[in-house]
Amino acid sequence: MACRITELVLDCTDPEALARFWCAVLDYQVLTRDDDGVEIGREGEFPTLVFGVVPEPKSQKLRFHIDVNATDRDQDAELERLLALGARLVDIGQQDVSWHVLQDPEGNEFCLLKRRVAP
C-alpha cells in the first residue's frame, strides 16, 4: 500500500488573497475556509491547495514549488495572463531555459512550463 498527495499546504500572511490568485490561475474554487486558512481545488479531486495563515512573511526561496502548464493557449499568452493576475517574473539564476520562473503575490516561486496540457 502507498500514500497519495491530497493537499499541498502553503504558509502565507493573507490566505484569502492567495486563494483568489491561485483560483484564477488554476480555475479552482474555494472548498473550505476558516480562521486557520483557505482550501481551494476542484470538488472531489486531489490534490487541493491549502493556504495556512502565519504572522511572518516569506523570507527565503522555497525548496518546493509548483509547476503549471497552459491548457488553452500558448506559453506566451499564458505568461501575459499570469502577469495580469499579479504574478511577477523573477530571475533565480535559471539561465536560458524553456520555462518562466514567477512569484505569486506573496513571493512564492512557481514555474510556467512550455508544454500545453489537456484541461
PDB file of N, CA and C in Angstrom:
ATOM      1  N   MET A   1       0.838  -1.172   0.000  1.00  0.00           N
ATOM      2  CA  MET A   1       0.000   0.000   0.000  1.00  0.00           C
ATOM      3  C   MET A   1       0.888   1.243   0.000  1.00  0.00           C
ATOM      4  N   ALA A   2       0.363   2.338  -0.495  1.00  0.00           N
ATOM      5  CA  ALA A   2       1.122   3.584  -0.594  1.00  0.00           C
ATOM      6  C   ALA A   2       0.251   4.755  -0.165  1.00  0.00           C
ATOM      7  N   CYS A   3       0.860   5.889  -0.024  1.00  0.00           N
ATOM      8  CA  CYS A   3       0.149   7.135   0.258  1.00  0.00           C
ATOM      9  C   CYS A   3      -0.090   7.877  -1.049  1.00  0.00           C
ATOM     10  N   ARG A   4      -0.965   8.852  -1.022  1.00  0.00           N
ATOM     11  CA  ARG A   4      -1.088   9.763  -2.147  1.00  0.00           C
ATOM     12  C   ARG A   4      -1.227  11.174  -1.626  1.00  0.00           C
ATOM     13  N   ILE A   5      -0.775  12.110  -2.422  1.00  0.00           N
ATOM     14  CA  ILE A   5      -0.829  13.515  -2.021  1.00  0.00           C
ATOM     15  C   ILE A   5      -2.272  13.987  -2.139  1.00  0.00           C
ATOM     16  N   THR A   6      -2.823  14.487  -1.043  1.00  0.00           N
ATOM     17  CA  THR A   6      -4.190  15.002  -1.055  1.00  0.00           C
ATOM     18  C   THR A   6      -4.240  16.519  -0.900  1.00  0.00           C
ATOM     19  N   GLU A   7      -3.240  17.087  -0.224  1.00  0.00           N
ATOM     20  CA  GLU A   7      -3.187  18.530  -0.024  1.00  0.00           C
ATOM     21  C   GLU A   7      -1.750  19.011  -0.116  1.00  0.00           C
ATOM     22  N   LEU A   8      -1.574  20.177  -0.694  1.00  0.00           N
ATOM     23  CA  LEU A   8      -0.307  20.890  -0.647  1.00  0.00           C
ATOM     24  C   LEU A   8      -0.587  22.143   0.179  1.00  0.00           C
ATOM     25  N   VAL A   9       0.189  22.348   1.226  1.00  0.00           N
ATOM     26  CA  VAL A   9      -0.064  23.441   2.161  1.00  0.00           C
ATOM     27  C   VAL A   9       1.011  24.506   1.998  1.00  0.00           C
ATOM     28  N   LEU A  10       0.578  25.736   1.888  1.00  0.00           N
ATOM     29  CA  LEU A  10       1.484  26.863   1.725  1.00  0.00           C
ATOM     30  C   LEU A  10       1.183  27.889   2.807  1.00  0.00           C
ATOM     31  N   ASP A  11       2.168  28.172   3.647  1.00  0.00           N
ATOM     32  CA  ASP A  11       2.009  29.201   4.674  1.00  0.00           C
ATOM     33  C   ASP A  11       2.015  30.571   4.009  1.00  0.00           C
ATOM     34  N   CYS A  12       1.193  31.479   4.530  1.00  0.00           N
ATOM     35  CA  CYS A  12       1.111  32.820   3.948  1.00  0.00           C
ATOM     36  C   CYS A  12       0.521  33.785   4.967  1.00  0.00           C
ATOM     37  N   THR A  13       0.648  35.062   4.690  1.00  0.00           N
ATOM     38  CA  THR A  13       0.092  36.068   5.594  1.00  0.00           C
ATOM     39  C   THR A  13      -1.338  36.446   5.215  1.00  0.00           C
ATOM     40  N   ASP A  14      -1.744  36.216   3.966  1.00  0.00           N
ATOM     41  CA  ASP A  14      -3.088  36.583   3.507  1.00  0.00           C
ATOM     42  C   ASP A  14      -3.698  35.436   2.697  1.00  0.00           C
ATOM     43  N   PRO A  15      -4.266  34.429   3.371  1.00  0.00           N
ATOM     44  CA  PRO A  15      -4.829  33.281   2.670  1.00  0.00           C
ATOM     45  C   PRO A  15      -5.913  33.636   1.659  1.00  0.00           C
ATOM     46  N   GLU A  16      -6.734  34.618   1.969  1.00  0.00           N
ATOM     47  CA  GLU A  16      -7.811  34.993   1.039  1.00  0.00           C
ATOM     48  C   GLU A  16      -7.250  35.523  -0.269  1.00  0.00           C
ATOM     49  N   ALA A  17      -6.232  36.381  -0.193  1.00  0.00           N
ATOM     50  CA  ALA A  17      -5.639  36.947  -1.407  1.00  0.00           C
ATOM     51  C   ALA A  17      -4.952  35.866  -2.235  1.00  0.00           C
ATOM     52  N   LEU A  18      -4.210  34.982  -1.582  1.00  0.00           N
ATOM     53  CA  LEU A  18      -3.550  33.909  -2.333  1.00  0.00           C
ATOM     54  C   LEU A  18      -4.566  32.934  -2.907  1.00  0.00           C
ATOM     55  N   ALA A  19      -5.637  32.665  -2.178  1.00  0.00           N
ATOM     56  CA  ALA A  19      -6.688  31.786  -2.705  1.00  0.00           C
ATOM     57  C   ALA A  19      -7.298  32.388  -3.967  1.00  0.00           C
ATOM     58  N   ARG A  20      -7.577  33.691  -3.949  1.00  0.00           N
ATOM     59  CA  ARG A  20      -8.130  34.342  -5.149  1.00  0.00           C
ATOM     60  C   ARG A  20      -7.164  34.224  -6.323  1.00  0.00           C
ATOM     61  N   PHE A  21      -5.874  34.509  -6.078  1.00  0.00           N
ATOM     62  CA  PHE A  21      -4.874  34.425  -7.139  1.00  0.00           C
ATOM     63  C   PHE A  21      -4.816  33.021  -7.718  1.00  0.00           C
ATOM     64  N   TRP A  22      -4.629  32.007  -6.864  1.00  0.00           N
ATOM     65  CA  TRP A  22      -4.463  30.638  -7.353  1.00  0.00           C
ATOM     66  C   TRP A  22      -5.757  30.060  -7.920  1.00  0.00           C
ATOM     67  N   CYS A  23      -6.918  30.489  -7.430  1.00  0.00           N
ATOM     68  CA  CYS A  23      -8.184  30.066  -8.054  1.00  0.00           C
ATOM     69  C   CYS A  23      -8.236  30.562  -9.497  1.00  0.00           C
ATOM     70  N   ALA A  24      -7.816  31.798  -9.721  1.00  0.00           N
ATOM     71  CA  ALA A  24      -7.797  32.347 -11.080  1.00  0.00           C
ATOM     72  C   ALA A  24      -6.759  31.654 -11.948  1.00  0.00           C
ATOM     73  N   VAL A  25      -5.592  31.356 -11.390  1.00  0.00           N
ATOM     74  CA  VAL A  25      -4.536  30.683 -12.160  1.00  0.00           C
ATOM     75  C   VAL A  25      -4.981  29.291 -12.582  1.00  0.00           C
ATOM     76  N   LEU A  26      -5.548  28.536 -11.649  1.00  0.00           N
ATOM     77  CA  LEU A  26      -5.826  27.113 -11.871  1.00  0.00           C
ATOM     78  C   LEU A  26      -7.280  26.788 -12.190  1.00  0.00           C
ATOM     79  N   ASP A  27      -8.141  27.793 -12.239  1.00  0.00           N
ATOM     80  CA  ASP A  27      -9.580  27.582 -12.415  1.00  0.00           C
ATOM     81  C   ASP A  27     -10.115  26.663 -11.310  1.00  0.00           C
ATOM     82  N   TYR A  28      -9.695  26.943 -10.081  1.00  0.00           N
ATOM     83  CA  TYR A  28     -10.153  26.229  -8.891  1.00  0.00           C
ATOM     84  C   TYR A  28     -11.237  27.058  -8.214  1.00  0.00           C
ATOM     85  N   GLN A  29     -11.851  26.459  -7.215  1.00  0.00           N
ATOM     86  CA  GLN A  29     -12.829  27.159  -6.389  1.00  0.00           C
ATOM     87  C   GLN A  29     -12.464  26.984  -4.922  1.00  0.00           C
ATOM     88  N   VAL A  30     -12.960  27.873  -4.094  1.00  0.00           N
ATOM     89  CA  VAL A  30     -12.757  27.731  -2.649  1.00  0.00           C
ATOM     90  C   VAL A  30     -13.607  26.564  -2.175  1.00  0.00           C
ATOM     91  N   LEU A  31     -12.977  25.624  -1.489  1.00  0.00           N
ATOM     92  CA  LEU A  31     -13.673  24.454  -0.954  1.00  0.00           C
ATOM     93  C   LEU A  31     -14.042  24.651   0.512  1.00  0.00           C
ATOM     94  N   THR A  32     -13.115  25.181   1.295  1.00  0.00           N
ATOM     95  CA  THR A  32     -13.381  25.462   2.709  1.00  0.00           C
ATOM     96  C   THR A  32     -12.575  26.680   3.123  1.00  0.00           C
ATOM     97  N   ARG A  33     -13.052  27.323   4.165  1.00  0.00           N
ATOM     98  CA  ARG A  33     -12.301  28.421   4.774  1.00  0.00           C
ATOM     99  C   ARG A  33     -12.652  28.471   6.241  1.00  0.00           C
ATOM    100  N   ASP A  34     -11.656  28.813   7.042  1.00  0.00           N
ATOM    101  CA  ASP A  34     -11.851  29.022   8.468  1.00  0.00           C
ATOM    102  C   ASP A  34     -10.787  29.991   8.958  1.00  0.00           C
ATOM    103  N   ASP A  35     -10.694  30.164  10.258  1.00  0.00           N
ATOM    104  CA  ASP A  35      -9.734  31.128  10.808  1.00  0.00           C
ATOM    105  C   ASP A  35      -8.286  30.747  10.532  1.00  0.00           C
ATOM    106  N   ASP A  36      -8.042  29.466  10.245  1.00  0.00           N
ATOM    107  CA  ASP A  36      -6.671  28.994  10.008  1.00  0.00           C
ATOM    108  C   ASP A  36      -6.239  29.091   8.552  1.00  0.00           C
ATOM    109  N   GLY A  37      -7.186  29.283   7.616  1.00  0.00           N
ATOM    110  CA  GLY A  37      -6.791  29.359   6.225  1.00  0.00           C
ATOM    111  C   GLY A  37      -7.908  29.049   5.247  1.00  0.00           C
ATOM    112  N   VAL A  38      -7.507  28.831   3.999  1.00  0.00           N
ATOM    113  CA  VAL A  38      -8.443  28.602   2.900  1.00  0.00           C
ATOM    114  C   VAL A  38      -7.950  27.410   2.085  1.00  0.00           C
ATOM    115  N   GLU A  39      -8.876  26.498   1.732  1.00  0.00           N
ATOM    116  CA  GLU A  39      -8.547  25.360   0.869  1.00  0.00           C
ATOM    117  C   GLU A  39      -9.229  25.559  -0.475  1.00  0.00           C
ATOM    118  N   ILE A  40      -8.464  25.368  -1.551  1.00  0.00           N
ATOM    119  CA  ILE A  40      -9.024  25.503  -2.896  1.00  0.00           C
ATOM    120  C   ILE A  40      -8.769  24.224  -3.695  1.00  0.00           C
ATOM    121  N   GLY A  41      -9.568  24.028  -4.718  1.00  0.00           N
ATOM    122  CA  GLY A  41      -9.396  22.867  -5.589  1.00  0.00           C
ATOM    123  C   GLY A  41     -10.625  22.670  -6.435  1.00  0.00           C
ATOM    124  N   ARG A  42     -10.779  21.443  -6.894  1.00  0.00           N
ATOM    125  CA  ARG A  42     -11.979  21.022  -7.614  1.00  0.00           C
ATOM    126  C   ARG A  42     -12.649  19.958  -6.765  1.00  0.00           C
ATOM    127  N   GLU A  43     -13.923  20.088  -6.581  1.00  0.00           N
ATOM    128  CA  GLU A  43     -14.677  19.178  -5.724  1.00  0.00           C
ATOM    129  C   GLU A  43     -14.402  17.726  -6.101  1.00  0.00           C
ATOM    130  N   GLY A  44     -13.954  16.944  -5.126  1.00  0.00           N
ATOM    131  CA  GLY A  44     -13.714  15.522  -5.327  1.00  0.00           C
ATOM    132  C   GLY A  44     -12.403  15.169  -5.993  1.00  0.00           C
ATOM    133  N   GLU A  45     -11.554  16.159  -6.291  1.00  0.00           N
ATOM    134  CA  GLU A  45     -10.268  15.887  -6.934  1.00  0.00           C
ATOM    135  C   GLU A  45      -9.119  16.245  -5.997  1.00  0.00           C
ATOM    136  N   PHE A  46      -8.020  15.546  -6.157  1.00  0.00           N
ATOM    137  CA  PHE A  46      -6.822  15.791  -5.358  1.00  0.00           C
ATOM    138  C   PHE A  46      -5.637  16.029  -6.278  1.00  0.00           C
ATOM    139  N   PRO A  47      -4.632  16.731  -5.838  1.00  0.00           N
ATOM    140  CA  PRO A  47      -4.524  17.403  -4.550  1.00  0.00           C
ATOM    141  C   PRO A  47      -5.231  18.749  -4.556  1.00  0.00           C
ATOM    142  N   THR A  48      -5.525  19.224  -3.352  1.00  0.00           N
ATOM    143  CA  THR A  48      -6.030  20.576  -3.170  1.00  0.00           C
ATOM    144  C   THR A  48      -4.868  21.438  -2.666  1.00  0.00           C
ATOM    145  N   LEU A  49      -5.062  22.745  -2.688  1.00  0.00           N
ATOM    146  CA  LEU A  49      -4.089  23.677  -2.122  1.00  0.00           C
ATOM    147  C   LEU A  49      -4.698  24.302  -0.877  1.00  0.00           C
ATOM    148  N   VAL A  50      -3.933  24.307   0.189  1.00  0.00           N
ATOM    149  CA  VAL A  50      -4.376  24.914   1.446  1.00  0.00           C
ATOM    150  C   VAL A  50      -3.433  26.067   1.762  1.00  0.00           C
ATOM    151  N   PHE A  51      -3.999  27.231   2.001  1.00  0.00           N
ATOM    152  CA  PHE A  51      -3.224  28.407   2.365  1.00  0.00           C
ATOM    153  C   PHE A  51      -3.437  28.651   3.849  1.00  0.00           C
ATOM    154  N   GLY A  52      -2.412  28.340   4.629  1.00  0.00           N
ATOM    155  CA  GLY A  52      -2.484  28.482   6.080  1.00  0.00           C
ATOM    156  C   GLY A  52      -1.876  29.793   6.517  1.00  0.00           C
ATOM    157  N   VAL A  53      -2.551  30.462   7.435  1.00  0.00           N
ATOM    158  CA  VAL A  53      -2.105  31.777   7.874  1.00  0.00           C
ATOM    159  C   VAL A  53      -0.968  31.666   8.893  1.00  0.00           C
ATOM    160  N   VAL A  54       0.066  32.466   8.664  1.00  0.00           N
ATOM    161  CA  VAL A  54       1.184  32.623   9.595  1.00  0.00           C
ATOM    162  C   VAL A  54       1.461  34.120   9.711  1.00  0.00           C
ATOM    163  N   PRO A  55       2.037  34.564  10.824  1.00  0.00           N
ATOM    164  CA  PRO A  55       2.241  36.012  11.005  1.00  0.00           C
ATOM    165  C   PRO A  55       3.413  36.592  10.226  1.00  0.00           C
ATOM    166  N   GLU A  56       4.417  35.768   9.916  1.00  0.00           N
ATOM    167  CA  GLU A  56       5.623  36.316   9.287  1.00  0.00           C
ATOM    168  C   GLU A  56       5.590  36.125   7.766  1.00  0.00           C
ATOM    169  N   PRO A  57       6.138  37.103   7.015  1.00  0.00           N
ATOM    170  CA  PRO A  57       6.208  36.966   5.552  1.00  0.00           C
ATOM    171  C   PRO A  57       7.277  35.954   5.133  1.00  0.00           C
ATOM    172  N   LYS A  58       7.199  35.511   3.893  1.00  0.00           N
ATOM    173  CA  LYS A  58       8.198  34.612   3.328  1.00  0.00           C
ATOM    174  C   LYS A  58       9.564  35.285   3.404  1.00  0.00           C
ATOM    175  N   SER A  59      10.595  34.511   3.773  1.00  0.00           N
ATOM    176  CA  SER A  59      11.904  35.130   3.949  1.00  0.00           C
ATOM    177  C   SER A  59      13.011  34.519   3.098  1.00  0.00           C
ATOM    178  N   GLN A  60      12.769  33.392   2.439  1.00  0.00           N
ATOM    179  CA  GLN A  60      13.799  32.785   1.601  1.00  0.00           C
ATOM    180  C   GLN A  60      13.149  31.993   0.472  1.00  0.00           C
ATOM    181  N   LYS A  61      13.969  31.581  -0.481  1.00  0.00           N
ATOM    182  CA  LYS A  61      13.482  30.804  -1.618  1.00  0.00           C
ATOM    183  C   LYS A  61      12.862  29.499  -1.127  1.00  0.00           C
ATOM    184  N   LEU A  62      11.738  29.137  -1.733  1.00  0.00           N
ATOM    185  CA  LEU A  62      11.089  27.875  -1.384  1.00  0.00           C
ATOM    186  C   LEU A  62      11.933  26.689  -1.840  1.00  0.00           C
ATOM    187  N   ARG A  63      11.893  25.617  -1.094  1.00  0.00           N
ATOM    188  CA  ARG A  63      12.579  24.392  -1.502  1.00  0.00           C
ATOM    189  C   ARG A  63      11.650  23.476  -2.285  1.00  0.00           C
ATOM    190  N   PHE A  64      10.404  23.836  -2.356  1.00  0.00           N
ATOM    191  CA  PHE A  64       9.380  23.079  -3.065  1.00  0.00           C
ATOM    192  C   PHE A  64       8.543  24.108  -3.801  1.00  0.00           C
ATOM    193  N   HIS A  65       8.256  23.873  -5.072  1.00  0.00           N
ATOM    194  CA  HIS A  65       7.464  24.858  -5.797  1.00  0.00           C
ATOM    195  C   HIS A  65       6.475  24.163  -6.732  1.00  0.00           C
ATOM    196  N   ILE A  66       5.560  24.936  -7.265  1.00  0.00           N
ATOM    197  CA  ILE A  66       4.524  24.447  -8.167  1.00  0.00           C
ATOM    198  C   ILE A  66       4.944  24.737  -9.599  1.00  0.00           C
ATOM    199  N   ASP A  67       4.745  23.771 -10.492  1.00  0.00           N
ATOM    200  CA  ASP A  67       4.904  23.971 -11.935  1.00  0.00           C
ATOM    201  C   ASP A  67       3.520  23.948 -12.563  1.00  0.00           C
ATOM    202  N   VAL A  68       3.263  24.858 -13.481  1.00  0.00           N
ATOM    203  CA  VAL A  68       1.987  24.894 -14.191  1.00  0.00           C
ATOM    204  C   VAL A  68       2.246  24.874 -15.696  1.00  0.00           C
ATOM    205  N   ASN A  69       1.257  24.383 -16.427  1.00  0.00           N
ATOM    206  CA  ASN A  69       1.263  24.381 -17.883  1.00  0.00           C
ATOM    207  C   ASN A  69      -0.062  24.967 -18.358  1.00  0.00           C
ATOM    208  N   ALA A  70      -0.038  25.714 -19.438  1.00  0.00           N
ATOM    209  CA  ALA A  70      -1.269  26.255 -20.017  1.00  0.00           C
ATOM    210  C   ALA A  70      -2.115  25.125 -20.585  1.00  0.00           C
ATOM    211  N   THR A  71      -3.432  25.347 -20.616  1.00  0.00           N
ATOM    212  CA  THR A  71      -4.335  24.347 -21.186  1.00  0.00           C
ATOM    213  C   THR A  71      -4.962  24.797 -22.498  1.00  0.00           C
ATOM    214  N   ASP A  72      -5.144  26.092 -22.677  1.00  0.00           N
ATOM    215  CA  ASP A  72      -5.904  26.552 -23.839  1.00  0.00           C
ATOM    216  C   ASP A  72      -5.234  27.683 -24.609  1.00  0.00           C
ATOM    217  N   ARG A  73      -3.942  27.871 -24.393  1.00  0.00           N
ATOM    218  CA  ARG A  73      -3.212  28.938 -25.088  1.00  0.00           C
ATOM    219  C   ARG A  73      -1.733  28.595 -25.059  1.00  0.00           C
ATOM    220  N   ASP A  74      -0.945  29.306 -25.829  1.00  0.00           N
ATOM    221  CA  ASP A  74       0.486  29.033 -25.810  1.00  0.00           C
ATOM    222  C   ASP A  74       1.132  29.668 -24.579  1.00  0.00           C
ATOM    223  N   GLN A  75       2.387  29.359 -24.359  1.00  0.00           N
ATOM    224  CA  GLN A  75       3.100  29.807 -23.170  1.00  0.00           C
ATOM    225  C   GLN A  75       3.155  31.332 -23.068  1.00  0.00           C
ATOM    226  N   ASP A  76       3.390  32.018 -24.182  1.00  0.00           N
ATOM    227  CA  ASP A  76       3.478  33.479 -24.150  1.00  0.00           C
ATOM    228  C   ASP A  76       2.160  34.113 -23.714  1.00  0.00           C
ATOM    229  N   ALA A  77       1.047  33.605 -24.250  1.00  0.00           N
ATOM    230  CA  ALA A  77      -0.259  34.145 -23.875  1.00  0.00           C
ATOM    231  C   ALA A  77      -0.576  33.841 -22.413  1.00  0.00           C
ATOM    232  N   GLU A  78      -0.199  32.665 -21.960  1.00  0.00           N
ATOM    233  CA  GLU A  78      -0.441  32.318 -20.559  1.00  0.00           C
ATOM    234  C   GLU A  78       0.425  33.168 -19.636  1.00  0.00           C
ATOM    235  N   LEU A  79       1.646  33.453 -20.039  1.00  0.00           N
ATOM    236  CA  LEU A  79       2.505  34.318 -19.240  1.00  0.00           C
ATOM    237  C   LEU A  79       1.857  35.686 -19.079  1.00  0.00           C
ATOM    238  N   GLU A  80       1.334  36.242 -20.128  1.00  0.00           N
ATOM    239  CA  GLU A  80       0.656  37.543 -20.049  1.00  0.00           C
ATOM    240  C   GLU A  80      -0.534  37.486 -19.103  1.00  0.00           C
ATOM    241  N   ARG A  81      -1.308  36.393 -19.149  1.00  0.00           N
ATOM    242  CA  ARG A  81      -2.460  36.238 -18.254  1.00  0.00           C
ATOM    243  C   ARG A  81      -2.007  36.187 -16.794  1.00  0.00           C
ATOM    244  N   LEU A  82      -0.952  35.413 -16.519  1.00  0.00           N
ATOM    245  CA  LEU A  82      -0.458  35.289 -15.144  1.00  0.00           C
ATOM    246  C   LEU A  82       0.075  36.620 -14.622  1.00  0.00           C
ATOM    247  N   LEU A  83       0.776  37.358 -15.466  1.00  0.00           N
ATOM    248  CA  LEU A  83       1.278  38.678 -15.061  1.00  0.00           C
ATOM    249  C   LEU A  83       0.114  39.627 -14.772  1.00  0.00           C
ATOM    250  N   ALA A  84      -0.940  39.559 -15.566  1.00  0.00           N
ATOM    251  CA  ALA A  84      -2.111  40.406 -15.342  1.00  0.00           C
ATOM    252  C   ALA A  84      -2.828  40.049 -14.040  1.00  0.00           C
ATOM    253  N   LEU A  85      -2.727  38.787 -13.622  1.00  0.00           N
ATOM    254  CA  LEU A  85      -3.339  38.353 -12.361  1.00  0.00           C
ATOM    255  C   LEU A  85      -2.526  38.782 -11.137  1.00  0.00           C
ATOM    256  N   GLY A  86      -1.283  39.223 -11.348  1.00  0.00           N
ATOM    257  CA  GLY A  86      -0.465  39.678 -10.230  1.00  0.00           C
ATOM    258  C   GLY A  86       0.827  38.914 -10.033  1.00  0.00           C
ATOM    259  N   ALA A  87       1.125  37.940 -10.894  1.00  0.00           N
ATOM    260  CA  ALA A  87       2.408  37.237 -10.813  1.00  0.00           C
ATOM    261  C   ALA A  87       3.522  38.177 -11.267  1.00  0.00           C
ATOM    262  N   ARG A  88       4.743  37.876 -10.824  1.00  0.00           N
ATOM    263  CA  ARG A  88       5.919  38.655 -11.229  1.00  0.00           C
ATOM    264  C   ARG A  88       6.991  37.708 -11.735  1.00  0.00           C
ATOM    265  N   LEU A  89       7.636  38.085 -12.835  1.00  0.00           N
ATOM    266  CA  LEU A  89       8.783  37.327 -13.327  1.00  0.00           C
ATOM    267  C   LEU A  89       9.957  37.525 -12.380  1.00  0.00           C
ATOM    268  N   VAL A  90      10.727  36.463 -12.135  1.00  0.00           N
ATOM    269  CA  VAL A  90      11.906  36.567 -11.281  1.00  0.00           C
ATOM    270  C   VAL A  90      13.062  35.808 -11.903  1.00  0.00           C
ATOM    271  N   ASP A  91      14.247  36.251 -11.574  1.00  0.00           N
ATOM    272  CA  ASP A  91      15.462  35.579 -12.019  1.00  0.00           C
ATOM    273  C   ASP A  91      16.106  34.934 -10.806  1.00  0.00           C
ATOM    274  N   ILE A  92      16.130  33.605 -10.797  1.00  0.00           N
ATOM    275  CA  ILE A  92      16.773  32.883  -9.705  1.00  0.00           C
ATOM    276  C   ILE A  92      18.038  32.192 -10.210  1.00  0.00           C
ATOM    277  N   GLY A  93      18.541  32.697 -11.343  1.00  0.00           N
ATOM    278  CA  GLY A  93      19.736  32.117 -11.933  1.00  0.00           C
ATOM    279  C   GLY A  93      19.434  30.975 -12.888  1.00  0.00           C
ATOM    280  N   GLN A  94      18.220  30.953 -13.441  1.00  0.00           N
ATOM    281  CA  GLN A  94      17.809  29.832 -14.288  1.00  0.00           C
ATOM    282  C   GLN A  94      18.457  29.812 -15.669  1.00  0.00           C
ATOM    283  N   GLN A  95      19.143  30.856 -16.071  1.00  0.00           N
ATOM    284  CA  GLN A  95      19.844  30.920 -17.361  1.00  0.00           C
ATOM    285  C   GLN A  95      18.859  30.834 -18.528  1.00  0.00           C
ATOM    286  N   ASP A  96      19.262  30.172 -19.620  1.00  0.00           N
ATOM    287  CA  ASP A  96      18.454  30.067 -20.839  1.00  0.00           C
ATOM    288  C   ASP A  96      17.658  28.767 -20.796  1.00  0.00           C
ATOM    289  N   VAL A  97      16.394  28.838 -20.358  1.00  0.00           N
ATOM    290  CA  VAL A  97      15.547  27.662 -20.192  1.00  0.00           C
ATOM    291  C   VAL A  97      14.226  27.869 -20.921  1.00  0.00           C
ATOM    292  N   SER A  98      13.460  26.813 -21.065  1.00  0.00           N
ATOM    293  CA  SER A  98      12.191  26.897 -21.793  1.00  0.00           C
ATOM    294  C   SER A  98      11.018  27.290 -20.914  1.00  0.00           C
ATOM    295  N   TRP A  99      11.252  27.482 -19.616  1.00  0.00           N
ATOM    296  CA  TRP A  99      10.164  27.854 -18.715  1.00  0.00           C
ATOM    297  C   TRP A  99      10.409  29.242 -18.142  1.00  0.00           C
ATOM    298  N   HIS A 100       9.351  29.791 -17.531  1.00  0.00           N
ATOM    299  CA  HIS A 100       9.430  31.086 -16.869  1.00  0.00           C
ATOM    300  C   HIS A 100       9.295  30.867 -15.368  1.00  0.00           C
ATOM    301  N   VAL A 101      10.145  31.518 -14.590  1.00  0.00           N
ATOM    302  CA  VAL A 101      10.039  31.482 -13.142  1.00  0.00           C
ATOM    303  C   VAL A 101       9.299  32.748 -12.713  1.00  0.00           C
ATOM    304  N   LEU A 102       8.270  32.552 -11.909  1.00  0.00           N
ATOM    305  CA  LEU A 102       7.441  33.665 -11.442  1.00  0.00           C
ATOM    306  C   LEU A 102       7.292  33.590  -9.931  1.00  0.00           C
ATOM    307  N   GLN A 103       6.723  34.644  -9.374  1.00  0.00           N
ATOM    308  CA  GLN A 103       6.328  34.657  -7.977  1.00  0.00           C
ATOM    309  C   GLN A 103       4.856  35.031  -7.898  1.00  0.00           C
ATOM    310  N   ASP A 104       4.159  34.404  -6.941  1.00  0.00           N
ATOM    311  CA  ASP A 104       2.776  34.793  -6.685  1.00  0.00           C
ATOM    312  C   ASP A 104       2.783  36.091  -5.860  1.00  0.00           C
ATOM    313  N   PRO A 105       1.625  36.638  -5.510  1.00  0.00           N
ATOM    314  CA  PRO A 105       1.601  37.916  -4.793  1.00  0.00           C
ATOM    315  C   PRO A 105       2.340  37.939  -3.452  1.00  0.00           C
ATOM    316  N   GLU A 106       2.603  36.792  -2.835  1.00  0.00           N
ATOM    317  CA  GLU A 106       3.367  36.773  -1.587  1.00  0.00           C
ATOM    318  C   GLU A 106       4.818  36.371  -1.801  1.00  0.00           C
ATOM    319  N   GLY A 107       5.244  36.252  -3.063  1.00  0.00           N
ATOM    320  CA  GLY A 107       6.644  35.969  -3.352  1.00  0.00           C
ATOM    321  C   GLY A 107       7.004  34.502  -3.444  1.00  0.00           C
ATOM    322  N   ASN A 108       6.013  33.611  -3.479  1.00  0.00           N
ATOM    323  CA  ASN A 108       6.281  32.175  -3.615  1.00  0.00           C
ATOM    324  C   ASN A 108       6.570  31.845  -5.072  1.00  0.00           C
ATOM    325  N   GLU A 109       7.697  31.190  -5.319  1.00  0.00           N
ATOM    326  CA  GLU A 109       8.104  30.874  -6.680  1.00  0.00           C
ATOM    327  C   GLU A 109       7.240  29.770  -7.274  1.00  0.00           C
ATOM    328  N   PHE A 110       6.969  29.899  -8.580  1.00  0.00           N
ATOM    329  CA  PHE A 110       6.359  28.829  -9.357  1.00  0.00           C
ATOM    330  C   PHE A 110       6.830  28.978 -10.789  1.00  0.00           C
ATOM    331  N   CYS A 111       6.698  27.904 -11.568  1.00  0.00           N
ATOM    332  CA  CYS A 111       7.194  27.916 -12.941  1.00  0.00           C
ATOM    333  C   CYS A 111       6.066  27.694 -13.928  1.00  0.00           C
ATOM    334  N   LEU A 112       6.112  28.443 -15.011  1.00  0.00           N
ATOM    335  CA  LEU A 112       5.222  28.230 -16.147  1.00  0.00           C
ATOM    336  C   LEU A 112       6.024  27.472 -17.188  1.00  0.00           C
ATOM    337  N   LEU A 113       5.652  26.215 -17.404  1.00  0.00           N
ATOM    338  CA  LEU A 113       6.353  25.380 -18.369  1.00  0.00           C
ATOM    339  C   LEU A 113       5.824  25.628 -19.767  1.00  0.00           C
ATOM    340  N   LYS A 114       6.512  25.118 -20.771  1.00  0.00           N
ATOM    341  CA  LYS A 114       6.184  25.412 -22.168  1.00  0.00           C
ATOM    342  C   LYS A 114       5.066  24.546 -22.732  1.00  0.00           C
ATOM    343  N   ARG A 115       4.998  23.308 -22.308  1.00  0.00           N
ATOM    344  CA  ARG A 115       4.049  22.351 -22.882  1.00  0.00           C
ATOM    345  C   ARG A 115       2.613  22.716 -22.554  1.00  0.00           C
ATOM    346  N   ARG A 116       1.707  22.527 -23.504  1.00  0.00           N
ATOM    347  CA  ARG A 116       0.287  22.712 -23.266  1.00  0.00           C
ATOM    348  C   ARG A 116      -0.296  21.358 -22.871  1.00  0.00           C
ATOM    349  N   VAL A 117      -1.178  21.344 -21.869  1.00  0.00           N
ATOM    350  CA  VAL A 117      -1.777  20.090 -21.406  1.00  0.00           C
ATOM    351  C   VAL A 117      -3.290  20.150 -21.540  1.00  0.00           C
ATOM    352  N   ALA A 118      -3.926  18.999 -21.511  1.00  0.00           N
ATOM    353  CA  ALA A 118      -5.377  18.938 -21.590  1.00  0.00           C
ATOM    354  C   ALA A 118      -5.997  19.566 -20.346  1.00  0.00           C
ATOM    355  N   PRO A 119      -7.111  20.260 -20.512  1.00  0.00           N
ATOM    356  CA  PRO A 119      -7.767  20.897 -19.354  1.00  0.00           C
ATOM    357  C   PRO A 119      -8.262  19.871 -18.334  1.00  0.00           C
TER     358      PRO A 119
END
